[in-house]
Amino acid sequence: GNPLGNLLGTMTEGIVSALDRESEIENSGMGMIQT
């Protein structure tokens, strides 16, 4: 993506930290990927 709006095309790496994160984060009903 484009962090800070000017570092265009920046790629960072990591791992999938958790899956189906929901109520403790947004409580929107959409389980999210934590990375």
Full PDB file with SEQRES, HELIX, SHEET, SSBOND, CRYST1, ORIGX, SCALE, CONECT and MASTER records, all heavy atoms in Angstrom:
SEQRES   1 A   35  GLY ASN PRO LEU GLY ASN LEU LEU GLY THR MET THR GLU          
SEQRES   2 A   35  GLY ILE VAL SER ALA LEU ASP ARG GLU SER GLU ILE GLU          
SEQRES   3 A   35  ASN SER GLY MET GLY MET ILE GLN THR                          
HELIX    1 AA1 PRO A    3  GLY A    5  5                                   3    
SHEET    1 AA1 2 ALA A  18  ARG A  21  0                                        
SHEET    2 AA1 2 MET A  32  GLN A  34 -1                                        
CRYST1    1.000    1.000    1.000  90.00  90.00  90.00 P 1           1          
ORIGX1      1.000000  0.000000  0.000000        0.00000                         
ORIGX2      0.000000  1.000000  0.000000        0.00000                         
ORIGX3      0.000000  0.000000  1.000000        0.00000                         
SCALE1      1.000000  0.000000  0.000000        0.00000                         
SCALE2      0.000000  1.000000  0.000000        0.00000                         
SCALE3      0.000000  0.000000  1.000000        0.00000                         
ATOM      1  N   GLY A   1       0.811  -1.214   0.000  1.00  0.00           N  
ATOM      2  CA  GLY A   1       0.000   0.000   0.000  1.00  0.00           C  
ATOM      3  C   GLY A   1       0.837   1.252   0.000  1.00  0.00           C  
ATOM      4  O   GLY A   1       2.003   1.241  -0.425  1.00  0.00           O  
ATOM      5  N   ASN A   2       0.246   2.342   0.505  1.00  0.00           N  
ATOM      6  CA  ASN A   2       0.875   3.666   0.447  1.00  0.00           C  
ATOM      7  C   ASN A   2       0.917   4.295   1.835  1.00  0.00           C  
ATOM      8  O   ASN A   2       0.193   5.253   2.113  1.00  0.00           O  
ATOM      9  CB  ASN A   2       0.095   4.571  -0.519  1.00  0.00           C  
ATOM     10  CG  ASN A   2      -0.104   3.933  -1.877  1.00  0.00           C  
ATOM     11  OD1 ASN A   2       0.827   3.458  -2.494  1.00  0.00           O  
ATOM     12  ND2 ASN A   2      -1.353   3.905  -2.323  1.00  0.00           N  
ATOM     13  N   PRO A   3       1.747   3.780   2.746  1.00  0.00           N  
ATOM     14  CA  PRO A   3       1.782   4.339   4.095  1.00  0.00           C  
ATOM     15  C   PRO A   3       2.159   5.807   4.088  1.00  0.00           C  
ATOM     16  O   PRO A   3       2.993   6.251   3.300  1.00  0.00           O  
ATOM     17  CB  PRO A   3       2.841   3.485   4.804  1.00  0.00           C  
ATOM     18  CG  PRO A   3       3.665   2.890   3.712  1.00  0.00           C  
ATOM     19  CD  PRO A   3       2.735   2.704   2.561  1.00  0.00           C  
ATOM     20  N   LEU A   4       1.494   6.560   4.970  1.00  0.00           N  
ATOM     21  CA  LEU A   4       1.673   8.004   5.135  1.00  0.00           C  
ATOM     22  C   LEU A   4       1.215   8.791   3.919  1.00  0.00           C  
ATOM     23  O   LEU A   4       1.367  10.016   3.878  1.00  0.00           O  
ATOM     24  CB  LEU A   4       3.126   8.352   5.477  1.00  0.00           C  
ATOM     25  CG  LEU A   4       3.723   7.622   6.688  1.00  0.00           C  
ATOM     26  CD1 LEU A   4       5.125   8.138   6.976  1.00  0.00           C  
ATOM     27  CD2 LEU A   4       2.838   7.755   7.908  1.00  0.00           C  
ATOM     28  N   GLY A   5       0.672   8.112   2.910  1.00  0.00           N  
ATOM     29  CA  GLY A   5       0.162   8.807   1.744  1.00  0.00           C  
ATOM     30  C   GLY A   5       1.215   9.231   0.756  1.00  0.00           C  
ATOM     31  O   GLY A   5       0.889   9.758  -0.307  1.00  0.00           O  
ATOM     32  N   ASN A   6       2.495   8.999   1.037  1.00  0.00           N  
ATOM     33  CA  ASN A   6       3.532   9.387   0.076  1.00  0.00           C  
ATOM     34  C   ASN A   6       4.586   8.309  -0.152  1.00  0.00           C  
ATOM     35  O   ASN A   6       5.369   8.412  -1.091  1.00  0.00           O  
ATOM     36  CB  ASN A   6       4.224  10.686   0.525  1.00  0.00           C  
ATOM     37  CG  ASN A   6       4.766  10.615   1.937  1.00  0.00           C  
ATOM     38  OD1 ASN A   6       4.934   9.538   2.489  1.00  0.00           O  
ATOM     39  ND2 ASN A   6       5.038  11.762   2.524  1.00  0.00           N  
ATOM     40  N   LEU A   7       4.610   7.292   0.687  1.00  0.00           N  
ATOM     41  CA  LEU A   7       5.545   6.184   0.466  1.00  0.00           C  
ATOM     42  C   LEU A   7       4.845   5.135  -0.397  1.00  0.00           C  
ATOM     43  O   LEU A   7       4.492   4.049   0.047  1.00  0.00           O  
ATOM     44  CB  LEU A   7       5.986   5.605   1.809  1.00  0.00           C  
ATOM     45  CG  LEU A   7       6.653   6.596   2.768  1.00  0.00           C  
ATOM     46  CD1 LEU A   7       7.001   5.912   4.083  1.00  0.00           C  
ATOM     47  CD2 LEU A   7       7.894   7.209   2.133  1.00  0.00           C  
ATOM     48  N   LEU A   8       4.653   5.493  -1.673  1.00  0.00           N  
ATOM     49  CA  LEU A   8       3.826   4.682  -2.566  1.00  0.00           C  
ATOM     50  C   LEU A   8       4.473   3.334  -2.847  1.00  0.00           C  
ATOM     51  O   LEU A   8       5.682   3.230  -3.048  1.00  0.00           O  
ATOM     52  CB  LEU A   8       3.592   5.433  -3.883  1.00  0.00           C  
ATOM     53  CG  LEU A   8       3.025   6.852  -3.781  1.00  0.00           C  
ATOM     54  CD1 LEU A   8       2.684   7.385  -5.161  1.00  0.00           C  
ATOM     55  CD2 LEU A   8       1.799   6.892  -2.886  1.00  0.00           C  
ATOM     56  N   GLY A   9       3.644   2.306  -2.870  1.00  0.00           N  
ATOM     57  CA  GLY A   9       4.103   0.974  -3.250  1.00  0.00           C  
ATOM     58  C   GLY A   9       4.950   0.287  -2.205  1.00  0.00           C  
ATOM     59  O   GLY A   9       5.730  -0.609  -2.545  1.00  0.00           O  
ATOM     60  N   THR A  10       4.786   0.645  -0.938  1.00  0.00           N  
ATOM     61  CA  THR A  10       5.569   0.020   0.122  1.00  0.00           C  
ATOM     62  C   THR A  10       5.003  -1.357   0.459  1.00  0.00           C  
ATOM     63  O   THR A  10       3.793  -1.516   0.628  1.00  0.00           O  
ATOM     64  CB  THR A  10       5.567   0.895   1.385  1.00  0.00           C  
ATOM     65  OG1 THR A  10       6.215   2.133   1.084  1.00  0.00           O  
ATOM     66  CG2 THR A  10       6.294   0.211   2.529  1.00  0.00           C  
ATOM     67  N   MET A  11       5.885  -2.342   0.573  1.00  0.00           N  
ATOM     68  CA  MET A  11       5.462  -3.686   0.947  1.00  0.00           C  
ATOM     69  C   MET A  11       6.128  -4.070   2.261  1.00  0.00           C  
ATOM     70  O   MET A  11       7.331  -3.865   2.443  1.00  0.00           O  
ATOM     71  CB  MET A  11       5.809  -4.705  -0.134  1.00  0.00           C  
ATOM     72  CG  MET A  11       5.226  -6.096   0.151  1.00  0.00           C  
ATOM     73  SD  MET A  11       5.362  -7.248  -1.253  1.00  0.00           S  
ATOM     74  CE  MET A  11       7.066  -7.766  -1.089  1.00  0.00           C  
ATOM     75  N   THR A  12       5.338  -4.592   3.176  1.00  0.00           N  
ATOM     76  CA  THR A  12       5.850  -5.109   4.441  1.00  0.00           C  
ATOM     77  C   THR A  12       5.432  -6.563   4.579  1.00  0.00           C  
ATOM     78  O   THR A  12       4.453  -6.998   3.974  1.00  0.00           O  
ATOM     79  CB  THR A  12       5.320  -4.297   5.635  1.00  0.00           C  
ATOM     80  OG1 THR A  12       3.880  -4.303   5.609  1.00  0.00           O  
ATOM     81  CG2 THR A  12       5.801  -2.864   5.572  1.00  0.00           C  
ATOM     82  N   GLU A  13       6.169  -7.323   5.361  1.00  0.00           N  
ATOM     83  CA  GLU A  13       5.860  -8.737   5.522  1.00  0.00           C  
ATOM     84  C   GLU A  13       5.555  -9.071   6.969  1.00  0.00           C  
ATOM     85  O   GLU A  13       5.961  -8.372   7.893  1.00  0.00           O  
ATOM     86  CB  GLU A  13       7.022  -9.601   5.023  1.00  0.00           C  
ATOM     87  CG  GLU A  13       8.283  -9.482   5.847  1.00  0.00           C  
ATOM     88  CD  GLU A  13       9.340 -10.477   5.417  1.00  0.00           C  
ATOM     89  OE1 GLU A  13       8.951 -11.513   4.840  1.00  0.00           O  
ATOM     90  OE2 GLU A  13      10.524 -10.225   5.672  1.00  0.00           O  
ATOM     91  N   GLY A  14       4.831 -10.153   7.154  1.00  0.00           N  
ATOM     92  CA  GLY A  14       4.494 -10.629   8.489  1.00  0.00           C  
ATOM     93  C   GLY A  14       3.845 -11.994   8.376  1.00  0.00           C  
ATOM     94  O   GLY A  14       4.030 -12.711   7.379  1.00  0.00           O  
ATOM     95  N   ILE A  15       3.087 -12.338   9.379  1.00  0.00           N  
ATOM     96  CA  ILE A  15       2.367 -13.612   9.380  1.00  0.00           C  
ATOM     97  C   ILE A  15       0.910 -13.346   9.736  1.00  0.00           C  
ATOM     98  O   ILE A  15       0.549 -12.251  10.182  1.00  0.00           O  
ATOM     99  CB  ILE A  15       2.966 -14.615  10.375  1.00  0.00           C  
ATOM    100  CG1 ILE A  15       2.862 -14.065  11.807  1.00  0.00           C  
ATOM    101  CG2 ILE A  15       4.405 -14.959  10.014  1.00  0.00           C  
ATOM    102  CD1 ILE A  15       3.193 -15.081  12.869  1.00  0.00           C  
ATOM    103  N   VAL A  16       0.086 -14.345   9.533  1.00  0.00           N  
ATOM    104  CA  VAL A  16      -1.280 -14.303  10.047  1.00  0.00           C  
ATOM    105  C   VAL A  16      -1.195 -14.569  11.543  1.00  0.00           C  
ATOM    106  O   VAL A  16      -0.811 -15.655  11.975  1.00  0.00           O  
ATOM    107  CB  VAL A  16      -2.177 -15.348   9.358  1.00  0.00           C  
ATOM    108  CG1 VAL A  16      -3.558 -15.361  10.002  1.00  0.00           C  
ATOM    109  CG2 VAL A  16      -2.281 -15.065   7.871  1.00  0.00           C  
ATOM    110  N   SER A  17      -1.546 -13.561  12.341  1.00  0.00           N  
ATOM    111  CA  SER A  17      -1.442 -13.683  13.792  1.00  0.00           C  
ATOM    112  C   SER A  17      -2.676 -14.329  14.403  1.00  0.00           C  
ATOM    113  O   SER A  17      -2.586 -15.008  15.432  1.00  0.00           O  
ATOM    114  CB  SER A  17      -1.222 -12.302  14.424  1.00  0.00           C  
ATOM    115  OG  SER A  17      -0.070 -11.683  13.877  1.00  0.00           O  
ATOM    116  N   ALA A  18      -3.850 -14.086  13.805  1.00  0.00           N  
ATOM    117  CA  ALA A  18      -5.102 -14.666  14.297  1.00  0.00           C  
ATOM    118  C   ALA A  18      -6.153 -14.505  13.213  1.00  0.00           C  
ATOM    119  O   ALA A  18      -6.011 -13.687  12.291  1.00  0.00           O  
ATOM    120  CB  ALA A  18      -5.558 -13.995  15.594  1.00  0.00           C  
ATOM    121  N   LEU A  19      -7.213 -15.294  13.323  1.00  0.00           N  
ATOM    122  CA  LEU A  19      -8.332 -15.231  12.385  1.00  0.00           C  
ATOM    123  C   LEU A  19      -9.624 -14.957  13.142  1.00  0.00           C  
ATOM    124  O   LEU A  19      -9.732 -15.231  14.344  1.00  0.00           O  
ATOM    125  CB  LEU A  19      -8.454 -16.541  11.602  1.00  0.00           C  
ATOM    126  CG  LEU A  19      -7.273 -16.894  10.702  1.00  0.00           C  
ATOM    127  CD1 LEU A  19      -7.389 -18.337  10.203  1.00  0.00           C  
ATOM    128  CD2 LEU A  19      -7.193 -15.940   9.516  1.00  0.00           C  
ATOM    129  N   ASP A  20     -10.593 -14.397  12.425  1.00  0.00           N  
ATOM    130  CA  ASP A  20     -11.936 -14.157  12.980  1.00  0.00           C  
ATOM    131  C   ASP A  20     -11.916 -13.265  14.217  1.00  0.00           C  
ATOM    132  O   ASP A  20     -12.649 -13.492  15.184  1.00  0.00           O  
ATOM    133  CB  ASP A  20     -12.644 -15.476  13.308  1.00  0.00           C  
ATOM    134  CG  ASP A  20     -12.916 -16.302  12.070  1.00  0.00           C  
ATOM    135  OD1 ASP A  20     -13.165 -15.697  11.007  1.00  0.00           O  
ATOM    136  OD2 ASP A  20     -12.854 -17.543  12.151  1.00  0.00           O  
ATOM    137  N   ARG A  21     -11.052 -12.251  14.188  1.00  0.00           N  
ATOM    138  CA  ARG A  21     -11.078 -11.256  15.251  1.00  0.00           C  
ATOM    139  C   ARG A  21     -12.328 -10.403  15.060  1.00  0.00           C  
ATOM    140  O   ARG A  21     -12.548  -9.835  14.003  1.00  0.00           O  
ATOM    141  CB  ARG A  21      -9.840 -10.369  15.190  1.00  0.00           C  
ATOM    142  CG  ARG A  21      -8.563 -11.060  15.578  1.00  0.00           C  
ATOM    143  CD  ARG A  21      -8.571 -11.455  17.029  1.00  0.00           C  
ATOM    144  NE  ARG A  21      -7.251 -11.871  17.483  1.00  0.00           N  
ATOM    145  CZ  ARG A  21      -7.037 -12.674  18.503  1.00  0.00           C  
ATOM    146  NH1 ARG A  21      -8.069 -13.182  19.171  1.00  0.00           N  
ATOM    147  NH2 ARG A  21      -5.812 -12.985  18.875  1.00  0.00           N  
ATOM    148  N   GLU A  22     -13.156 -10.283  16.092  1.00  0.00           N  
ATOM    149  CA  GLU A  22     -14.387  -9.518  15.906  1.00  0.00           C  
ATOM    150  C   GLU A  22     -14.766  -8.704  17.112  1.00  0.00           C  
ATOM    151  O   GLU A  22     -14.422  -7.529  17.208  1.00  0.00           O  
ATOM    152  CB  GLU A  22     -15.536 -10.420  15.482  1.00  0.00           C  
ATOM    153  CG  GLU A  22     -15.643 -11.726  16.243  1.00  0.00           C  
ATOM    154  CD  GLU A  22     -16.758 -12.597  15.706  1.00  0.00           C  
ATOM    155  OE1 GLU A  22     -17.723 -12.056  15.176  1.00  0.00           O  
ATOM    156  OE2 GLU A  22     -16.668 -13.821  15.836  1.00  0.00           O  
ATOM    157  N   SER A  23     -15.463  -9.289  18.115  1.00  0.00           N  
ATOM    158  CA  SER A  23     -16.081  -8.483  19.165  1.00  0.00           C  
ATOM    159  C   SER A  23     -15.065  -7.657  19.938  1.00  0.00           C  
ATOM    160  O   SER A  23     -15.349  -6.538  20.343  1.00  0.00           O  
ATOM    161  CB  SER A  23     -16.835  -9.394  20.133  1.00  0.00           C  
ATOM    162  OG  SER A  23     -15.962 -10.345  20.710  1.00  0.00           O  
ATOM    163  N   GLU A  24     -13.855  -8.176  20.148  1.00  0.00           N  
ATOM    164  CA  GLU A  24     -12.894  -7.424  20.928  1.00  0.00           C  
ATOM    165  C   GLU A  24     -12.254  -6.306  20.108  1.00  0.00           C  
ATOM    166  O   GLU A  24     -11.519  -5.490  20.627  1.00  0.00           O  
ATOM    167  CB  GLU A  24     -11.799  -8.350  21.481  1.00  0.00           C  
ATOM    168  CG  GLU A  24     -10.908  -8.992  20.418  1.00  0.00           C  
ATOM    169  CD  GLU A  24     -11.458 -10.338  19.977  1.00  0.00           C  
ATOM    170  OE1 GLU A  24     -12.684 -10.490  19.924  1.00  0.00           O  
ATOM    171  OE2 GLU A  24     -10.644 -11.222  19.680  1.00  0.00           O  
ATOM    172  N   ILE A  25     -12.547  -6.266  18.811  1.00  0.00           N  
ATOM    173  CA  ILE A  25     -11.942  -5.229  17.969  1.00  0.00           C  
ATOM    174  C   ILE A  25     -12.986  -4.233  17.501  1.00  0.00           C  
ATOM    175  O   ILE A  25     -12.962  -3.069  17.855  1.00  0.00           O  
ATOM    176  CB  ILE A  25     -11.236  -5.868  16.739  1.00  0.00           C  
ATOM    177  CG1 ILE A  25     -10.170  -6.865  17.213  1.00  0.00           C  
ATOM    178  CG2 ILE A  25     -10.622  -4.807  15.867  1.00  0.00           C  
ATOM    179  CD1 ILE A  25      -9.051  -6.247  18.001  1.00  0.00           C  
ATOM    180  N   GLU A  26     -13.922  -4.665  16.697  1.00  0.00           N  
ATOM    181  CA  GLU A  26     -14.857  -3.732  16.083  1.00  0.00           C  
ATOM    182  C   GLU A  26     -16.324  -4.018  16.410  1.00  0.00           C  
ATOM    183  O   GLU A  26     -17.161  -3.150  16.286  1.00  0.00           O  
ATOM    184  CB  GLU A  26     -14.697  -3.762  14.551  1.00  0.00           C  
ATOM    185  CG  GLU A  26     -13.419  -3.108  14.055  1.00  0.00           C  
ATOM    186  CD  GLU A  26     -13.451  -1.613  14.221  1.00  0.00           C  
ATOM    187  OE1 GLU A  26     -14.548  -1.046  14.355  1.00  0.00           O  
ATOM    188  OE2 GLU A  26     -12.389  -0.985  14.241  1.00  0.00           O  
ATOM    189  N   ASN A  27     -16.614  -5.256  16.802  1.00  0.00           N  
ATOM    190  CA  ASN A  27     -17.992  -5.657  17.101  1.00  0.00           C  
ATOM    191  C   ASN A  27     -18.920  -5.357  15.925  1.00  0.00           C  
ATOM    192  O   ASN A  27     -20.043  -4.905  16.096  1.00  0.00           O  
ATOM    193  CB  ASN A  27     -18.496  -4.948  18.358  1.00  0.00           C  
ATOM    194  CG  ASN A  27     -19.746  -5.616  18.913  1.00  0.00           C  
ATOM    195  OD1 ASN A  27     -19.959  -6.797  18.686  1.00  0.00           O  
ATOM    196  ND2 ASN A  27     -20.552  -4.849  19.625  1.00  0.00           N  
ATOM    197  N   SER A  28     -18.412  -5.593  14.709  1.00  0.00           N  
ATOM    198  CA  SER A  28     -19.197  -5.302  13.514  1.00  0.00           C  
ATOM    199  C   SER A  28     -19.803  -6.561  12.915  1.00  0.00           C  
ATOM    200  O   SER A  28     -20.571  -6.470  11.966  1.00  0.00           O  
ATOM    201  CB  SER A  28     -18.315  -4.622  12.460  1.00  0.00           C  
ATOM    202  OG  SER A  28     -17.322  -5.516  11.989  1.00  0.00           O  
ATOM    203  N   GLY A  29     -19.454  -7.724  13.449  1.00  0.00           N  
ATOM    204  CA  GLY A  29     -19.962  -8.958  12.873  1.00  0.00           C  
ATOM    205  C   GLY A  29     -19.109  -9.501  11.751  1.00  0.00           C  
ATOM    206  O   GLY A  29     -19.438 -10.537  11.186  1.00  0.00           O  
ATOM    207  N   MET A  30     -18.030  -8.825  11.411  1.00  0.00           N  
ATOM    208  CA  MET A  30     -17.125  -9.304  10.369  1.00  0.00           C  
ATOM    209  C   MET A  30     -15.823  -9.734  11.026  1.00  0.00           C  
ATOM    210  O   MET A  30     -15.054  -8.908  11.529  1.00  0.00           O  
ATOM    211  CB  MET A  30     -16.851  -8.192   9.347  1.00  0.00           C  
ATOM    212  CG  MET A  30     -15.817  -8.575   8.286  1.00  0.00           C  
ATOM    213  SD  MET A  30     -16.384  -9.887   7.172  1.00  0.00           S  
ATOM    214  CE  MET A  30     -17.595  -8.985   6.209  1.00  0.00           C  
ATOM    215  N   GLY A  31     -15.578 -11.032  11.102  1.00  0.00           N  
ATOM    216  CA  GLY A  31     -14.321 -11.516  11.649  1.00  0.00           C  
ATOM    217  C   GLY A  31     -13.165 -11.075  10.778  1.00  0.00           C  
ATOM    218  O   GLY A  31     -13.178 -11.257   9.561  1.00  0.00           O  
ATOM    219  N   MET A  32     -12.133 -10.498  11.385  1.00  0.00           N  
ATOM    220  CA  MET A  32     -11.033  -9.909  10.640  1.00  0.00           C  
ATOM    221  C   MET A  32      -9.768 -10.727  10.785  1.00  0.00           C  
ATOM    222  O   MET A  32      -9.604 -11.505  11.731  1.00  0.00           O  
ATOM    223  CB  MET A  32     -10.794  -8.470  11.099  1.00  0.00           C  
ATOM    224  CG  MET A  32     -12.026  -7.573  10.971  1.00  0.00           C  
ATOM    225  SD  MET A  32     -11.711  -5.872  11.444  1.00  0.00           S  
ATOM    226  CE  MET A  32     -10.862  -5.274   9.988  1.00  0.00           C  
ATOM    227  N   ILE A  33      -8.855 -10.544   9.830  1.00  0.00           N  
ATOM    228  CA  ILE A  33      -7.546 -11.178   9.880  1.00  0.00           C  
ATOM    229  C   ILE A  33      -6.612 -10.274  10.683  1.00  0.00           C  
ATOM    230  O   ILE A  33      -6.478  -9.095  10.376  1.00  0.00           O  
ATOM    231  CB  ILE A  33      -6.968 -11.379   8.469  1.00  0.00           C  
ATOM    232  CG1 ILE A  33      -7.923 -12.209   7.607  1.00  0.00           C  
ATOM    233  CG2 ILE A  33      -5.593 -12.026   8.530  1.00  0.00           C  
ATOM    234  CD1 ILE A  33      -7.566 -12.205   6.128  1.00  0.00           C  
ATOM    235  N   GLN A  34      -5.984 -10.828  11.699  1.00  0.00           N  
ATOM    236  CA  GLN A  34      -4.960 -10.078  12.436  1.00  0.00           C  
ATOM    237  C   GLN A  34      -3.595 -10.461  11.878  1.00  0.00           C  
ATOM    238  O   GLN A  34      -3.299 -11.644  11.683  1.00  0.00           O  
ATOM    239  CB  GLN A  34      -5.016 -10.393  13.928  1.00  0.00           C  
ATOM    240  CG  GLN A  34      -3.979  -9.642  14.755  1.00  0.00           C  
ATOM    241  CD  GLN A  34      -3.992 -10.071  16.207  1.00  0.00           C  
ATOM    242  OE1 GLN A  34      -5.029 -10.448  16.749  1.00  0.00           O  
ATOM    243  NE2 GLN A  34      -2.838 -10.015  16.848  1.00  0.00           N  
ATOM    244  N   THR A  35      -2.759  -9.470  11.605  1.00  0.00           N  
ATOM    245  CA  THR A  35      -1.457  -9.725  11.006  1.00  0.00           C  
ATOM    246  C   THR A  35      -0.381  -8.910  11.695  1.00  0.00           C  
ATOM    247  O   THR A  35      -0.644  -7.836  12.247  1.00  0.00           O  
ATOM    248  CB  THR A  35      -1.467  -9.389   9.502  1.00  0.00           C  
ATOM    249  OG1 THR A  35      -0.160  -9.595   8.960  1.00  0.00           O  
ATOM    250  CG2 THR A  35      -1.877  -7.946   9.257  1.00  0.00           C  
TER     251      THR A  35                                                      
MASTER        0    0    0    1    2    0    0    6  250    1    0    3          
END                                                                             
